[in-house]
Amino acid sequence: MSDQITEAQLKTMSPHQIVQAQEEGRLDALLGRPVHDIPAEGQLTEDHLKHMTPHEIVAAQEAGRLDQLLDGTE
């Protein structure tokens, strides 16, 4: 879910794109923050949520990837 931005990619991005990438947690590696591997497919767990940005959580909910967690059937 969070493809990390490289330094080369960062140099080509607009300020708006940089802010969006930061909100999505895609600059974590460049900023020296821990990078958590969130699977790109399937249902997510409460543990995954602990390592996700608000943007990632909303996107996962919209994609139906939190259905089991929200239904209590995790």
N, C-alpha and C. Protein backbone atom coordinates (compact mmCIF):
# COMPACT_ATOMS: atom_id res chain seq x y z
N MET A 1 0.80 -1.19 0.00
CA MET A 1 0.00 0.00 0.00
C MET A 1 0.84 1.26 0.00
N SER A 2 1.99 1.14 0.52
CA SER A 2 2.75 2.38 0.56
C SER A 2 4.06 2.22 -0.18
N ASP A 3 4.02 2.40 -1.49
CA ASP A 3 5.25 2.38 -2.29
C ASP A 3 6.07 3.61 -1.93
N GLN A 4 7.24 3.38 -1.45
CA GLN A 4 8.10 4.47 -0.99
C GLN A 4 8.66 5.26 -2.17
N ILE A 5 8.69 6.56 -2.02
CA ILE A 5 9.22 7.48 -3.03
C ILE A 5 10.74 7.49 -2.92
N THR A 6 11.40 7.45 -4.08
CA THR A 6 12.86 7.54 -4.08
C THR A 6 13.27 9.01 -4.16
N GLU A 7 14.53 9.27 -3.88
CA GLU A 7 15.04 10.64 -3.96
C GLU A 7 14.92 11.19 -5.38
N ALA A 8 15.17 10.34 -6.38
CA ALA A 8 15.05 10.76 -7.77
C ALA A 8 13.60 11.13 -8.11
N GLN A 9 12.65 10.33 -7.63
CA GLN A 9 11.24 10.64 -7.87
C GLN A 9 10.84 11.94 -7.18
N LEU A 10 11.34 12.13 -5.97
CA LEU A 10 11.00 13.33 -5.20
C LEU A 10 11.39 14.60 -5.96
N LYS A 11 12.51 14.56 -6.64
CA LYS A 11 13.00 15.73 -7.37
C LYS A 11 12.09 16.13 -8.53
N THR A 12 11.25 15.21 -8.99
CA THR A 12 10.38 15.49 -10.13
C THR A 12 8.95 15.82 -9.70
N MET A 13 8.68 15.80 -8.41
CA MET A 13 7.32 15.97 -7.91
C MET A 13 6.99 17.43 -7.61
N SER A 14 5.72 17.77 -7.78
CA SER A 14 5.24 19.11 -7.43
C SER A 14 5.07 19.18 -5.91
N PRO A 15 4.99 20.39 -5.36
CA PRO A 15 4.75 20.51 -3.91
C PRO A 15 3.47 19.78 -3.47
N HIS A 16 2.43 19.87 -4.28
CA HIS A 16 1.17 19.17 -3.95
C HIS A 16 1.39 17.66 -3.90
N GLN A 17 2.11 17.11 -4.86
CA GLN A 17 2.38 15.68 -4.89
C GLN A 17 3.22 15.26 -3.69
N ILE A 18 4.15 16.11 -3.27
CA ILE A 18 5.00 15.79 -2.12
C ILE A 18 4.16 15.74 -0.85
N VAL A 19 3.28 16.72 -0.67
CA VAL A 19 2.41 16.72 0.51
C VAL A 19 1.53 15.49 0.52
N GLN A 20 0.97 15.14 -0.62
CA GLN A 20 0.12 13.96 -0.70
C GLN A 20 0.91 12.69 -0.37
N ALA A 21 2.11 12.58 -0.91
CA ALA A 21 2.95 11.40 -0.64
C ALA A 21 3.29 11.32 0.85
N GLN A 22 3.54 12.47 1.47
CA GLN A 22 3.84 12.47 2.90
C GLN A 22 2.63 12.00 3.70
N GLU A 23 1.43 12.50 3.34
CA GLU A 23 0.21 12.08 4.03
C GLU A 23 -0.05 10.59 3.88
N GLU A 24 0.35 10.04 2.76
CA GLU A 24 0.16 8.61 2.48
C GLU A 24 1.25 7.75 3.09
N GLY A 25 2.25 8.38 3.71
CA GLY A 25 3.34 7.62 4.31
C GLY A 25 4.37 7.15 3.31
N ARG A 26 4.34 7.70 2.11
CA ARG A 26 5.24 7.25 1.05
C ARG A 26 6.61 7.92 1.10
N LEU A 27 6.82 8.85 2.04
CA LEU A 27 8.13 9.48 2.21
C LEU A 27 8.84 8.98 3.47
N ASP A 28 8.24 8.02 4.14
CA ASP A 28 8.79 7.56 5.42
C ASP A 28 10.24 7.13 5.32
N ALA A 29 10.58 6.37 4.28
CA ALA A 29 11.97 5.89 4.14
C ALA A 29 12.94 7.06 3.99
N LEU A 30 12.57 8.04 3.17
CA LEU A 30 13.45 9.20 2.97
C LEU A 30 13.56 10.05 4.23
N LEU A 31 12.51 10.06 5.05
CA LEU A 31 12.50 10.86 6.27
C LEU A 31 13.08 10.10 7.47
N GLY A 32 13.53 8.87 7.24
CA GLY A 32 14.13 8.09 8.31
C GLY A 32 13.13 7.49 9.27
N ARG A 33 11.88 7.43 8.84
CA ARG A 33 10.84 6.82 9.68
C ARG A 33 10.72 5.33 9.36
N PRO A 34 10.19 4.55 10.29
CA PRO A 34 10.00 3.13 9.99
C PRO A 34 9.01 2.94 8.85
N VAL A 35 9.29 1.99 7.99
CA VAL A 35 8.40 1.67 6.88
C VAL A 35 7.74 0.34 7.21
N HIS A 36 6.42 0.36 7.22
CA HIS A 36 5.66 -0.86 7.55
C HIS A 36 5.07 -1.43 6.27
N ASP A 37 5.22 -2.72 6.11
CA ASP A 37 4.74 -3.38 4.90
C ASP A 37 3.27 -3.73 5.07
N ILE A 38 2.41 -2.96 4.43
CA ILE A 38 0.98 -3.21 4.45
C ILE A 38 0.64 -3.94 3.15
N PRO A 39 0.01 -5.11 3.23
CA PRO A 39 -0.29 -5.85 2.01
C PRO A 39 -1.17 -5.03 1.05
N ALA A 40 -0.95 -5.21 -0.24
CA ALA A 40 -1.69 -4.46 -1.26
C ALA A 40 -3.07 -5.04 -1.53
N GLU A 41 -3.31 -6.27 -1.09
CA GLU A 41 -4.60 -6.93 -1.34
C GLU A 41 -5.08 -7.64 -0.09
N GLY A 42 -6.36 -7.95 -0.06
CA GLY A 42 -6.94 -8.73 1.02
C GLY A 42 -7.38 -7.88 2.20
N GLN A 43 -7.98 -8.55 3.17
CA GLN A 43 -8.48 -7.88 4.37
C GLN A 43 -7.33 -7.48 5.29
N LEU A 44 -7.50 -6.35 5.93
CA LEU A 44 -6.48 -5.85 6.84
C LEU A 44 -6.87 -6.13 8.29
N THR A 45 -5.89 -6.17 9.16
CA THR A 45 -6.12 -6.46 10.57
C THR A 45 -5.94 -5.20 11.41
N GLU A 46 -6.29 -5.30 12.67
CA GLU A 46 -6.09 -4.19 13.59
C GLU A 46 -4.61 -3.82 13.67
N ASP A 47 -3.73 -4.80 13.60
CA ASP A 47 -2.30 -4.53 13.63
C ASP A 47 -1.87 -3.69 12.43
N HIS A 48 -2.42 -3.99 11.26
CA HIS A 48 -2.12 -3.18 10.08
C HIS A 48 -2.52 -1.73 10.31
N LEU A 49 -3.71 -1.53 10.88
CA LEU A 49 -4.22 -0.17 11.10
C LEU A 49 -3.28 0.67 11.95
N LYS A 50 -2.62 0.05 12.89
CA LYS A 50 -1.69 0.76 13.78
C LYS A 50 -0.55 1.42 13.00
N HIS A 51 -0.26 0.90 11.82
CA HIS A 51 0.88 1.38 11.04
C HIS A 51 0.46 2.14 9.78
N MET A 52 -0.82 2.45 9.67
CA MET A 52 -1.34 3.11 8.48
C MET A 52 -1.65 4.58 8.75
N THR A 53 -1.52 5.38 7.71
CA THR A 53 -1.90 6.78 7.81
C THR A 53 -3.42 6.89 7.70
N PRO A 54 -3.99 8.00 8.14
CA PRO A 54 -5.44 8.19 7.98
C PRO A 54 -5.87 8.04 6.52
N HIS A 55 -5.08 8.55 5.60
CA HIS A 55 -5.40 8.43 4.18
C HIS A 55 -5.47 6.96 3.75
N GLU A 56 -4.51 6.17 4.19
CA GLU A 56 -4.49 4.74 3.85
C GLU A 56 -5.69 4.02 4.44
N ILE A 57 -6.08 4.39 5.64
CA ILE A 57 -7.23 3.75 6.30
C ILE A 57 -8.52 4.04 5.54
N VAL A 58 -8.70 5.30 5.15
CA VAL A 58 -9.90 5.67 4.39
C VAL A 58 -9.92 4.93 3.06
N ALA A 59 -8.80 4.88 2.37
CA ALA A 59 -8.73 4.17 1.09
C ALA A 59 -9.03 2.69 1.27
N ALA A 60 -8.52 2.09 2.34
CA ALA A 60 -8.78 0.67 2.60
C ALA A 60 -10.25 0.43 2.90
N GLN A 61 -10.87 1.35 3.64
CA GLN A 61 -12.30 1.21 3.95
C GLN A 61 -13.12 1.31 2.68
N GLU A 62 -12.80 2.29 1.83
CA GLU A 62 -13.52 2.47 0.58
C GLU A 62 -13.37 1.26 -0.34
N ALA A 63 -12.23 0.59 -0.25
CA ALA A 63 -11.97 -0.59 -1.08
C ALA A 63 -12.56 -1.86 -0.48
N GLY A 64 -13.19 -1.75 0.69
CA GLY A 64 -13.79 -2.93 1.33
C GLY A 64 -12.78 -3.81 2.05
N ARG A 65 -11.58 -3.29 2.29
CA ARG A 65 -10.53 -4.09 2.90
C ARG A 65 -10.59 -4.12 4.42
N LEU A 66 -11.57 -3.39 5.00
CA LEU A 66 -11.75 -3.41 6.46
C LEU A 66 -13.06 -4.07 6.85
N ASP A 67 -13.76 -4.66 5.89
CA ASP A 67 -15.09 -5.23 6.15
C ASP A 67 -15.08 -6.25 7.28
N GLN A 68 -14.16 -7.17 7.26
CA GLN A 68 -14.13 -8.20 8.31
C GLN A 68 -13.82 -7.57 9.67
N LEU A 69 -12.91 -6.64 9.70
CA LEU A 69 -12.54 -5.98 10.95
C LEU A 69 -13.73 -5.19 11.49
N LEU A 70 -14.41 -4.45 10.64
CA LEU A 70 -15.54 -3.63 11.08
C LEU A 70 -16.76 -4.48 11.45
N ASP A 71 -16.89 -5.65 10.82
CA ASP A 71 -17.99 -6.56 11.14
C ASP A 71 -17.69 -7.42 12.35
N GLY A 72 -16.45 -7.36 12.84
CA GLY A 72 -16.06 -8.16 13.99
C GLY A 72 -15.80 -9.62 13.65
N THR A 73 -15.52 -9.90 12.37
CA THR A 73 -15.29 -11.29 11.96
C THR A 73 -13.84 -11.54 11.59
N GLU A 74 -12.95 -10.69 12.10
CA GLU A 74 -11.53 -10.81 11.77
C GLU A 74 -10.99 -12.14 12.21
